[in-house]
Amino acid sequence: MACIIANARIVGFEDSDIQYFGRWQKTLTDIQSVSSGAYLKTTIVLDEQQRQIKLKLSQSAIIYTQIDKQGPISKMEAIDNGVYPIELVINLPTATTTRTMITIMSDISSTICLQAIEINDDTSISMKNQQQQPHLIEFVGHDLTLGLGTSNSIMTSFPWLVSSFLATERSQIAFPGAWLMDHQESIGMETQYFKGTSFYSPSIVVVLLGEYDQYPHAYTIRLSNFLSRIRNHFPHTIILVLSEPLGVLFQESQSAVTFLNDVQADQNIHFIDTTGWIQYGHTAYIDPVSIVVFM
């Protein structure tokens, strides 16, 4: 059954009261998530009648929603039934206070193409208390960065847990099986990383790469170049290079950081030895996040 919001008001994707984290790309009609786990946030200032909002999307999508910072996480699917824009209703709990923050994030296999948010005409959207530059940690990597193999994938990934623990925003520039170096079969993170628009500069960039790279003799130089390009984009950002936990390209990654420390005198890039951080087996890791699924 279609949902009708009486006296509806449309808030367009370019409205300044919607914040976007991760990588996005604007078109003439919508804004599209580019990176895995890209998300948007806004705060609804409710009236007594407002108990739902409606997303207007250009294409089908699998998304996660969270109401307020400590609220449960719900998985939802917007299905293309041939009627455009595709609409997805997000219900708000009756116990919600007058100001409700809503986070909407893409699944790793999906893309959010947002045209607008529909709300009650007597309701307002406001981020006025959050317009300052947020603290954001950007995580660059592959399967581990996406949380593949954990109970709820990206929602139980180490970037999600770390940023939640530190109360920061996050950006995950990661792909399954991602490697650093471009080659004939496919482009690597040295190209993928710079796609799309990031609306906020990260305080910290965390890089975990090397597991899937096939040319160790070239890796040190290519990683050094990649880190230098990140530095050109973010002059004051701390860059942390994590070693692969099983030791793949350990020396090569460490040498790239040492080169930038010594030759380019960049002391804001650090190598972190993660040897022994990962344990294997069904009892090695239990995560606390639960997700409610709505189809």
C-alpha atoms as a PDB file:
ATOM      1  CA  MET A   1       0.000   0.000   0.000  1.00  0.00           C
ATOM      2  CA  ALA A   2       1.300   3.435  -0.892  1.00  0.00           C
ATOM      3  CA  CYS A   3       2.002   5.815   1.952  1.00  0.00           C
ATOM      4  CA  ILE A   4       0.648   9.357   1.750  1.00  0.00           C
ATOM      5  CA  ILE A   5       2.072  12.105   3.948  1.00  0.00           C
ATOM      6  CA  ALA A   6      -0.571  14.806   4.379  1.00  0.00           C
ATOM      7  CA  ASN A   7       0.593  18.327   3.526  1.00  0.00           C
ATOM      8  CA  ALA A   8       3.860  16.901   2.248  1.00  0.00           C
ATOM      9  CA  ARG A   9       6.988  19.005   1.780  1.00  0.00           C
ATOM     10  CA  ILE A  10       9.861  17.928  -0.456  1.00  0.00           C
ATOM     11  CA  VAL A  11      13.451  18.489   0.722  1.00  0.00           C
ATOM     12  CA  GLY A  12      15.766  18.168  -2.291  1.00  0.00           C
ATOM     13  CA  PHE A  13      19.069  16.290  -2.265  1.00  0.00           C
ATOM     14  CA  GLU A  14      21.029  19.562  -2.504  1.00  0.00           C
ATOM     15  CA  ASP A  15      19.477  20.991   0.665  1.00  0.00           C
ATOM     16  CA  SER A  16      22.249  22.109   3.024  1.00  0.00           C
ATOM     17  CA  ASP A  17      20.546  20.433   5.988  1.00  0.00           C
ATOM     18  CA  ILE A  18      21.432  16.986   4.613  1.00  0.00           C
ATOM     19  CA  GLN A  19      24.992  15.869   5.355  1.00  0.00           C
ATOM     20  CA  TYR A  20      26.788  13.320   3.166  1.00  0.00           C
ATOM     21  CA  PHE A  21      29.674  11.130   4.323  1.00  0.00           C
ATOM     22  CA  GLY A  22      31.852   8.915   2.155  1.00  0.00           C
ATOM     23  CA  ARG A  23      32.099   9.516  -1.579  1.00  0.00           C
ATOM     24  CA  TRP A  24      29.160  10.861  -3.585  1.00  0.00           C
ATOM     25  CA  GLN A  25      28.507  12.108  -7.100  1.00  0.00           C
ATOM     26  CA  LYS A  26      25.889  14.694  -8.024  1.00  0.00           C
ATOM     27  CA  THR A  27      23.871  14.539 -11.249  1.00  0.00           C
ATOM     28  CA  LEU A  28      21.198  16.921 -12.501  1.00  0.00           C
ATOM     29  CA  THR A  29      18.460  14.903 -10.780  1.00  0.00           C
ATOM     30  CA  ASP A  30      19.986  13.156  -7.771  1.00  0.00           C
ATOM     31  CA  ILE A  31      23.071  12.437  -5.676  1.00  0.00           C
ATOM     32  CA  GLN A  32      24.600   8.958  -5.910  1.00  0.00           C
ATOM     33  CA  SER A  33      26.760   7.126  -3.393  1.00  0.00           C
ATOM     34  CA  VAL A  34      30.106   6.064  -4.841  1.00  0.00           C
ATOM     35  CA  SER A  35      31.920   4.364  -1.945  1.00  0.00           C
ATOM     36  CA  SER A  36      30.803   1.346   0.056  1.00  0.00           C
ATOM     37  CA  GLY A  37      28.916   2.322   3.182  1.00  0.00           C
ATOM     38  CA  ALA A  38      28.443   5.948   2.114  1.00  0.00           C
ATOM     39  CA  TYR A  39      25.704   7.504   4.220  1.00  0.00           C
ATOM     40  CA  LEU A  40      23.676  10.625   4.779  1.00  0.00           C
ATOM     41  CA  LYS A  41      22.385  12.221   7.969  1.00  0.00           C
ATOM     42  CA  THR A  42      19.756  14.766   8.817  1.00  0.00           C
ATOM     43  CA  THR A  43      17.789  15.818  11.876  1.00  0.00           C
ATOM     44  CA  ILE A  44      14.005  15.980  11.823  1.00  0.00           C
ATOM     45  CA  VAL A  45      12.363  18.516  14.121  1.00  0.00           C
ATOM     46  CA  LEU A  46       9.062  16.757  14.686  1.00  0.00           C
ATOM     47  CA  ASP A  47       5.515  17.876  15.192  1.00  0.00           C
ATOM     48  CA  GLU A  48       3.063  15.612  17.017  1.00  0.00           C
ATOM     49  CA  GLN A  49       1.821  14.041  13.777  1.00  0.00           C
ATOM     50  CA  GLN A  50       5.157  13.284  12.105  1.00  0.00           C
ATOM     51  CA  ARG A  51       5.877   9.587  12.543  1.00  0.00           C
ATOM     52  CA  GLN A  52       7.464   8.788   9.194  1.00  0.00           C
ATOM     53  CA  ILE A  53       9.489  10.202   6.351  1.00  0.00           C
ATOM     54  CA  LYS A  54       9.727   9.069   2.740  1.00  0.00           C
ATOM     55  CA  LEU A  55      12.845   8.722   0.602  1.00  0.00           C
ATOM     56  CA  LYS A  56      12.502   9.406  -3.112  1.00  0.00           C
ATOM     57  CA  LEU A  57      15.090   7.387  -5.065  1.00  0.00           C
ATOM     58  CA  SER A  58      16.082   7.104  -8.712  1.00  0.00           C
ATOM     59  CA  GLN A  59      16.738   3.372  -8.528  1.00  0.00           C
ATOM     60  CA  SER A  60      16.232   0.385  -6.246  1.00  0.00           C
ATOM     61  CA  ALA A  61      18.542   0.106  -3.252  1.00  0.00           C
ATOM     62  CA  ILE A  62      19.346  -1.866  -0.128  1.00  0.00           C
ATOM     63  CA  ILE A  63      19.958   0.498   2.771  1.00  0.00           C
ATOM     64  CA  TYR A  64      20.474   0.561   6.517  1.00  0.00           C
ATOM     65  CA  THR A  65      18.723   3.110   8.714  1.00  0.00           C
ATOM     66  CA  GLN A  66      19.364   4.184  12.281  1.00  0.00           C
ATOM     67  CA  ILE A  67      17.178   6.499  14.351  1.00  0.00           C
ATOM     68  CA  ASP A  68      19.303   8.531  16.766  1.00  0.00           C
ATOM     69  CA  LYS A  69      22.855   7.511  17.648  1.00  0.00           C
ATOM     70  CA  GLN A  70      21.955   4.596  19.909  1.00  0.00           C
ATOM     71  CA  GLY A  71      18.878   3.367  18.067  1.00  0.00           C
ATOM     72  CA  PRO A  72      18.550  -0.067  16.454  1.00  0.00           C
ATOM     73  CA  ILE A  73      19.817  -0.554  12.919  1.00  0.00           C
ATOM     74  CA  SER A  74      17.260  -1.630  10.316  1.00  0.00           C
ATOM     75  CA  LYS A  75      17.906  -3.106   6.882  1.00  0.00           C
ATOM     76  CA  MET A  76      15.411  -2.031   4.222  1.00  0.00           C
ATOM     77  CA  GLU A  77      14.941  -2.543   0.497  1.00  0.00           C
ATOM     78  CA  ALA A  78      13.503  -0.085  -2.013  1.00  0.00           C
ATOM     79  CA  ILE A  79      12.085  -2.156  -4.858  1.00  0.00           C
ATOM     80  CA  ASP A  80      11.725  -0.929  -8.426  1.00  0.00           C
ATOM     81  CA  ASN A  81       8.114  -1.567  -9.437  1.00  0.00           C
ATOM     82  CA  GLY A  82       8.180   0.657 -12.512  1.00  0.00           C
ATOM     83  CA  VAL A  83       6.886   3.793 -10.738  1.00  0.00           C
ATOM     84  CA  TYR A  84       9.360   6.670 -10.380  1.00  0.00           C
ATOM     85  CA  PRO A  85      10.702   8.038  -8.213  1.00  0.00           C
ATOM     86  CA  ILE A  86      10.960   4.860  -6.138  1.00  0.00           C
ATOM     87  CA  GLU A  87       9.663   5.581  -2.649  1.00  0.00           C
ATOM     88  CA  LEU A  88      10.805   4.087   0.637  1.00  0.00           C
ATOM     89  CA  VAL A  89       8.991   4.854   3.891  1.00  0.00           C
ATOM     90  CA  ILE A  90      10.979   5.102   7.129  1.00  0.00           C
ATOM     91  CA  ASN A  91       8.793   4.876  10.228  1.00  0.00           C
ATOM     92  CA  LEU A  92       9.812   6.825  13.299  1.00  0.00           C
ATOM     93  CA  PRO A  93       9.229   5.320  16.773  1.00  0.00           C
ATOM     94  CA  THR A  94       6.482   6.836  18.877  1.00  0.00           C
ATOM     95  CA  ALA A  95       8.938   7.499  21.696  1.00  0.00           C
ATOM     96  CA  THR A  96      11.046   9.771  19.511  1.00  0.00           C
ATOM     97  CA  THR A  97      11.888  13.151  21.001  1.00  0.00           C
ATOM     98  CA  THR A  98      11.192  16.407  19.182  1.00  0.00           C
ATOM     99  CA  ARG A  99      14.598  16.262  17.465  1.00  0.00           C
ATOM    100  CA  THR A 100      15.414  12.959  15.760  1.00  0.00           C
ATOM    101  CA  MET A 101      18.644  12.232  13.899  1.00  0.00           C
ATOM    102  CA  ILE A 102      18.299   9.808  10.992  1.00  0.00           C
ATOM    103  CA  THR A 103      21.249   8.012   9.393  1.00  0.00           C
ATOM    104  CA  ILE A 104      20.733   6.309   6.009  1.00  0.00           C
ATOM    105  CA  MET A 105      23.578   4.174   4.644  1.00  0.00           C
ATOM    106  CA  SER A 106      24.087   2.107   1.509  1.00  0.00           C
ATOM    107  CA  ASP A 107      24.751  -1.622   1.544  1.00  0.00           C
ATOM    108  CA  ILE A 108      28.124  -2.639   0.070  1.00  0.00           C
ATOM    109  CA  SER A 109      26.361  -4.139  -2.964  1.00  0.00           C
ATOM    110  CA  SER A 110      24.020  -1.207  -3.509  1.00  0.00           C
ATOM    111  CA  THR A 111      23.956   2.473  -4.465  1.00  0.00           C
ATOM    112  CA  ILE A 112      21.795   5.205  -2.965  1.00  0.00           C
ATOM    113  CA  CYS A 113      20.471   7.556  -5.656  1.00  0.00           C
ATOM    114  CA  LEU A 114      18.630  10.162  -3.602  1.00  0.00           C
ATOM    115  CA  GLN A 115      16.354  12.712  -5.224  1.00  0.00           C
ATOM    116  CA  ALA A 116      14.595  14.057  -2.133  1.00  0.00           C
ATOM    117  CA  ILE A 117      13.189  13.425   1.328  1.00  0.00           C
ATOM    118  CA  GLU A 118       9.472  13.928   1.863  1.00  0.00           C
ATOM    119  CA  ILE A 119       8.294  15.126   5.272  1.00  0.00           C
ATOM    120  CA  ASN A 120       5.189  16.664   6.820  1.00  0.00           C
ATOM    121  CA  ASP A 121       4.796  20.304   5.815  1.00  0.00           C
ATOM    122  CA  ASP A 122       4.585  21.273   9.507  1.00  0.00           C
ATOM    123  CA  THR A 123       7.880  19.517  10.209  1.00  0.00           C
ATOM    124  CA  SER A 124      11.345  20.956   9.675  1.00  0.00           C
ATOM    125  CA  ILE A 125      14.744  19.504   8.861  1.00  0.00           C
ATOM    126  CA  SER A 126      17.588  21.176  10.690  1.00  0.00           C
ATOM    127  CA  MET A 127      21.312  20.565  11.069  1.00  0.00           C
ATOM    128  CA  LYS A 128      22.101  24.059  12.340  1.00  0.00           C
ATOM    129  CA  ASN A 129      23.845  22.708  15.431  1.00  0.00           C
ATOM    130  CA  GLN A 130      26.014  20.395  13.301  1.00  0.00           C
ATOM    131  CA  GLN A 131      27.272  22.625  10.511  1.00  0.00           C
ATOM    132  CA  GLN A 132      30.837  22.739  11.869  1.00  0.00           C
ATOM    133  CA  GLN A 133      33.463  20.446  10.347  1.00  0.00           C
ATOM    134  CA  PRO A 134      32.829  16.985  11.872  1.00  0.00           C
ATOM    135  CA  HIS A 135      35.590  14.671  13.066  1.00  0.00           C
ATOM    136  CA  LEU A 136      35.844  11.963  10.417  1.00  0.00           C
ATOM    137  CA  ILE A 137      38.073   8.903  10.032  1.00  0.00           C
ATOM    138  CA  GLU A 138      38.516   7.541   6.525  1.00  0.00           C
ATOM    139  CA  PHE A 139      39.276   3.836   6.121  1.00  0.00           C
ATOM    140  CA  VAL A 140      40.814   2.592   2.859  1.00  0.00           C
ATOM    141  CA  GLY A 141      41.030  -1.129   2.141  1.00  0.00           C
ATOM    142  CA  HIS A 142      39.459  -4.424   1.155  1.00  0.00           C
ATOM    143  CA  ASP A 143      37.461  -7.272   2.767  1.00  0.00           C
ATOM    144  CA  LEU A 144      38.601  -6.520   6.322  1.00  0.00           C
ATOM    145  CA  THR A 145      37.676  -2.859   5.970  1.00  0.00           C
ATOM    146  CA  LEU A 146      34.206  -3.912   4.766  1.00  0.00           C
ATOM    147  CA  GLY A 147      33.722  -6.366   7.631  1.00  0.00           C
ATOM    148  CA  LEU A 148      33.224  -9.307   5.268  1.00  0.00           C
ATOM    149  CA  GLY A 149      32.938 -12.436   7.390  1.00  0.00           C
ATOM    150  CA  THR A 150      31.488 -10.651  10.427  1.00  0.00           C
ATOM    151  CA  SER A 151      27.829 -11.132  11.316  1.00  0.00           C
ATOM    152  CA  ASN A 152      26.464  -8.008   9.613  1.00  0.00           C
ATOM    153  CA  SER A 153      29.236  -7.082   7.187  1.00  0.00           C
ATOM    154  CA  ILE A 154      29.835  -3.339   7.022  1.00  0.00           C
ATOM    155  CA  MET A 155      27.754  -2.638  10.138  1.00  0.00           C
ATOM    156  CA  THR A 156      30.057  -4.859  12.209  1.00  0.00           C
ATOM    157  CA  SER A 157      33.286  -3.944  10.427  1.00  0.00           C
ATOM    158  CA  PHE A 158      36.200  -2.586  12.428  1.00  0.00           C
ATOM    159  CA  PRO A 159      35.807   0.938  10.897  1.00  0.00           C
ATOM    160  CA  TRP A 160      32.193   1.062  12.069  1.00  0.00           C
ATOM    161  CA  LEU A 161      33.076  -0.149  15.579  1.00  0.00           C
ATOM    162  CA  VAL A 162      36.134   2.103  15.928  1.00  0.00           C
ATOM    163  CA  SER A 163      34.342   5.243  14.750  1.00  0.00           C
ATOM    164  CA  SER A 164      31.317   4.460  16.930  1.00  0.00           C
ATOM    165  CA  PHE A 165      33.579   3.983  19.957  1.00  0.00           C
ATOM    166  CA  LEU A 166      35.356   7.303  19.243  1.00  0.00           C
ATOM    167  CA  ALA A 167      32.069   9.097  18.373  1.00  0.00           C
ATOM    168  CA  THR A 168      33.358  10.205  14.959  1.00  0.00           C
ATOM    169  CA  GLU A 169      31.917  10.067  11.470  1.00  0.00           C
ATOM    170  CA  ARG A 170      33.406   7.510   9.076  1.00  0.00           C
ATOM    171  CA  SER A 171      34.171   7.034   5.401  1.00  0.00           C
ATOM    172  CA  GLN A 172      34.933   3.560   4.004  1.00  0.00           C
ATOM    173  CA  ILE A 173      36.675   3.588   0.635  1.00  0.00           C
ATOM    174  CA  ALA A 174      36.859  -0.164   0.191  1.00  0.00           C
ATOM    175  CA  PHE A 175      35.974  -2.978  -2.200  1.00  0.00           C
ATOM    176  CA  PRO A 176      35.983  -6.789  -1.893  1.00  0.00           C
ATOM    177  CA  GLY A 177      39.385  -8.058  -2.965  1.00  0.00           C
ATOM    178  CA  ALA A 178      40.706  -4.525  -3.506  1.00  0.00           C
ATOM    179  CA  TRP A 179      44.355  -4.024  -4.411  1.00  0.00           C
ATOM    180  CA  LEU A 180      46.489  -0.916  -4.635  1.00  0.00           C
ATOM    181  CA  MET A 181      48.031  -1.005  -8.100  1.00  0.00           C
ATOM    182  CA  ASP A 182      46.268  -0.548 -11.423  1.00  0.00           C
ATOM    183  CA  HIS A 183      46.804  -3.355 -13.924  1.00  0.00           C
ATOM    184  CA  GLN A 184      45.398  -4.498 -17.245  1.00  0.00           C
ATOM    185  CA  GLU A 185      42.482  -6.481 -15.812  1.00  0.00           C
ATOM    186  CA  SER A 186      41.192  -3.828 -13.443  1.00  0.00           C
ATOM    187  CA  ILE A 187      42.016  -0.526 -11.797  1.00  0.00           C
ATOM    188  CA  GLY A 188      43.296  -0.445  -8.239  1.00  0.00           C
ATOM    189  CA  MET A 189      42.769   1.775  -5.242  1.00  0.00           C
ATOM    190  CA  GLU A 190      45.352   4.244  -6.562  1.00  0.00           C
ATOM    191  CA  THR A 191      42.622   5.220  -9.052  1.00  0.00           C
ATOM    192  CA  GLN A 192      39.449   4.135  -7.248  1.00  0.00           C
ATOM    193  CA  TYR A 193      40.253   6.220  -4.187  1.00  0.00           C
ATOM    194  CA  PHE A 194      40.046   9.503  -6.043  1.00  0.00           C
ATOM    195  CA  LYS A 195      36.606   8.904  -7.580  1.00  0.00           C
ATOM    196  CA  GLY A 196      33.597  10.858  -6.352  1.00  0.00           C
ATOM    197  CA  THR A 197      33.357  13.848  -4.032  1.00  0.00           C
ATOM    198  CA  SER A 198      34.140  13.930  -0.329  1.00  0.00           C
ATOM    199  CA  PHE A 199      32.356  16.796   1.415  1.00  0.00           C
ATOM    200  CA  TYR A 200      34.538  16.716   4.535  1.00  0.00           C
ATOM    201  CA  SER A 201      38.275  16.376   5.120  1.00  0.00           C
ATOM    202  CA  PRO A 202      39.216  13.406   7.327  1.00  0.00           C
ATOM    203  CA  SER A 203      41.121  13.890  10.541  1.00  0.00           C
ATOM    204  CA  ILE A 204      42.740  10.479  10.015  1.00  0.00           C
ATOM    205  CA  VAL A 205      43.140   8.220   6.969  1.00  0.00           C
ATOM    206  CA  VAL A 206      43.690   4.519   7.748  1.00  0.00           C
ATOM    207  CA  VAL A 207      45.126   2.434   4.871  1.00  0.00           C
ATOM    208  CA  LEU A 208      45.028  -1.381   4.851  1.00  0.00           C
ATOM    209  CA  LEU A 209      46.166  -2.746   1.475  1.00  0.00           C
ATOM    210  CA  GLY A 210      48.545  -5.318   0.005  1.00  0.00           C
ATOM    211  CA  GLU A 211      46.802  -8.668   0.466  1.00  0.00           C
ATOM    212  CA  TYR A 212      45.663  -8.836  -3.173  1.00  0.00           C
ATOM    213  CA  ASP A 213      48.524  -7.058  -4.931  1.00  0.00           C
ATOM    214  CA  GLN A 214      50.505  -9.204  -7.356  1.00  0.00           C
ATOM    215  CA  TYR A 215      53.680  -7.184  -7.978  1.00  0.00           C
ATOM    216  CA  PRO A 216      55.638  -6.841  -4.701  1.00  0.00           C
ATOM    217  CA  HIS A 217      58.753  -5.456  -6.445  1.00  0.00           C
ATOM    218  CA  ALA A 218      56.786  -2.310  -7.447  1.00  0.00           C
ATOM    219  CA  TYR A 219      54.618  -2.029  -4.348  1.00  0.00           C
ATOM    220  CA  THR A 220      56.835   0.249  -2.242  1.00  0.00           C
ATOM    221  CA  ILE A 221      57.114   2.923  -4.933  1.00  0.00           C
ATOM    222  CA  ARG A 222      53.425   2.768  -5.865  1.00  0.00           C
ATOM    223  CA  LEU A 223      52.313   2.920  -2.222  1.00  0.00           C
ATOM    224  CA  SER A 224      54.618   5.895  -1.613  1.00  0.00           C
ATOM    225  CA  ASN A 225      53.091   7.684  -4.596  1.00  0.00           C
ATOM    226  CA  PHE A 226      49.580   6.853  -3.409  1.00  0.00           C
ATOM    227  CA  LEU A 227      50.228   8.186   0.093  1.00  0.00           C
ATOM    228  CA  SER A 228      51.810  11.335  -1.372  1.00  0.00           C
ATOM    229  CA  ARG A 229      48.672  11.982  -3.433  1.00  0.00           C
ATOM    230  CA  ILE A 230      46.523  11.585  -0.317  1.00  0.00           C
ATOM    231  CA  ARG A 231      48.805  14.064   1.431  1.00  0.00           C
ATOM    232  CA  ASN A 232      48.349  16.563  -1.422  1.00  0.00           C
ATOM    233  CA  HIS A 233      44.574  16.302  -0.980  1.00  0.00           C
ATOM    234  CA  PHE A 234      44.687  16.509   2.830  1.00  0.00           C
ATOM    235  CA  PRO A 235      47.770  18.472   3.970  1.00  0.00           C
ATOM    236  CA  HIS A 236      47.061  18.202   7.691  1.00  0.00           C
ATOM    237  CA  THR A 237      45.548  14.725   7.943  1.00  0.00           C
ATOM    238  CA  ILE A 238      47.220  11.962   9.966  1.00  0.00           C
ATOM    239  CA  ILE A 239      47.819   8.904   7.773  1.00  0.00           C
ATOM    240  CA  LEU A 240      48.078   5.456   9.366  1.00  0.00           C
ATOM    241  CA  VAL A 241      49.298   2.532   7.240  1.00  0.00           C
ATOM    242  CA  LEU A 242      48.316  -0.807   8.785  1.00  0.00           C
ATOM    243  CA  SER A 243      50.325  -3.897   7.911  1.00  0.00           C
ATOM    244  CA  GLU A 244      48.387  -6.872   6.598  1.00  0.00           C
ATOM    245  CA  PRO A 245      47.726  -8.992   9.730  1.00  0.00           C
ATOM    246  CA  LEU A 246      49.139 -12.128   8.046  1.00  0.00           C
ATOM    247  CA  GLY A 247      52.301 -10.285   7.010  1.00  0.00           C
ATOM    248  CA  VAL A 248      51.707  -9.877   3.256  1.00  0.00           C
ATOM    249  CA  LEU A 249      53.985  -7.115   1.864  1.00  0.00           C
ATOM    250  CA  PHE A 250      54.974  -6.115   5.402  1.00  0.00           C
ATOM    251  CA  GLN A 251      58.468  -4.905   4.470  1.00  0.00           C
ATOM    252  CA  GLU A 252      57.242  -3.136   1.351  1.00  0.00           C
ATOM    253  CA  SER A 253      54.539  -1.219   3.250  1.00  0.00           C
ATOM    254  CA  GLN A 254      56.916  -0.273   6.047  1.00  0.00           C
ATOM    255  CA  SER A 255      59.542   0.886   3.536  1.00  0.00           C
ATOM    256  CA  ALA A 256      57.030   3.161   1.795  1.00  0.00           C
ATOM    257  CA  VAL A 257      56.244   4.911   5.075  1.00  0.00           C
ATOM    258  CA  THR A 258      59.938   5.131   6.041  1.00  0.00           C
ATOM    259  CA  PHE A 259      60.704   6.729   2.671  1.00  0.00           C
ATOM    260  CA  LEU A 260      58.082   9.428   3.197  1.00  0.00           C
ATOM    261  CA  ASN A 261      59.258  10.009   6.771  1.00  0.00           C
ATOM    262  CA  ASP A 262      62.932  10.325   5.850  1.00  0.00           C
ATOM    263  CA  VAL A 263      63.064  11.638   2.291  1.00  0.00           C
ATOM    264  CA  GLN A 264      59.946  13.827   2.194  1.00  0.00           C
ATOM    265  CA  ALA A 265      60.160  14.687   5.911  1.00  0.00           C
ATOM    266  CA  ASP A 266      56.493  13.837   6.415  1.00  0.00           C
ATOM    267  CA  GLN A 267      56.263  12.823  10.064  1.00  0.00           C
ATOM    268  CA  ASN A 268      52.466  12.674  10.005  1.00  0.00           C
ATOM    269  CA  ILE A 269      52.461   9.267   8.264  1.00  0.00           C
ATOM    270  CA  HIS A 270      52.809   6.254  10.557  1.00  0.00           C
ATOM    271  CA  PHE A 271      53.270   2.513  10.032  1.00  0.00           C
ATOM    272  CA  ILE A 272      51.296   0.264  12.404  1.00  0.00           C
ATOM    273  CA  ASP A 273      52.368  -3.358  12.879  1.00  0.00           C
ATOM    274  CA  THR A 274      49.133  -5.380  13.168  1.00  0.00           C
ATOM    275  CA  THR A 275      50.782  -8.805  13.399  1.00  0.00           C
ATOM    276  CA  GLY A 276      48.685 -10.999  15.689  1.00  0.00           C
ATOM    277  CA  TRP A 277      45.663  -8.699  15.752  1.00  0.00           C
ATOM    278  CA  ILE A 278      43.411 -11.201  13.962  1.00  0.00           C
ATOM    279  CA  GLN A 279      42.387 -14.571  15.385  1.00  0.00           C
ATOM    280  CA  TYR A 280      40.607 -17.226  13.366  1.00  0.00           C
ATOM    281  CA  GLY A 281      37.827 -19.604  14.370  1.00  0.00           C
ATOM    282  CA  HIS A 282      34.143 -19.354  15.276  1.00  0.00           C
ATOM    283  CA  THR A 283      34.894 -18.189  18.846  1.00  0.00           C
ATOM    284  CA  ALA A 284      37.476 -15.571  17.894  1.00  0.00           C
ATOM    285  CA  TYR A 285      35.093 -12.642  17.543  1.00  0.00           C
ATOM    286  CA  ILE A 286      31.559 -11.953  18.729  1.00  0.00           C
ATOM    287  CA  ASP A 287      30.016  -8.622  17.770  1.00  0.00           C
ATOM    288  CA  PRO A 288      27.098  -6.933  19.587  1.00  0.00           C
ATOM    289  CA  VAL A 289      25.235  -5.272  16.710  1.00  0.00           C
ATOM    290  CA  SER A 290      21.729  -6.473  15.836  1.00  0.00           C
ATOM    291  CA  ILE A 291      19.872  -5.515  12.670  1.00  0.00           C
ATOM    292  CA  VAL A 292      16.140  -5.603  12.045  1.00  0.00           C
ATOM    293  CA  VAL A 293      15.303  -6.461   8.430  1.00  0.00           C
ATOM    294  CA  PHE A 294      12.323  -4.931   6.619  1.00  0.00           C
ATOM    295  CA  MET A 295      11.453  -6.160   3.146  1.00  0.00           C
END
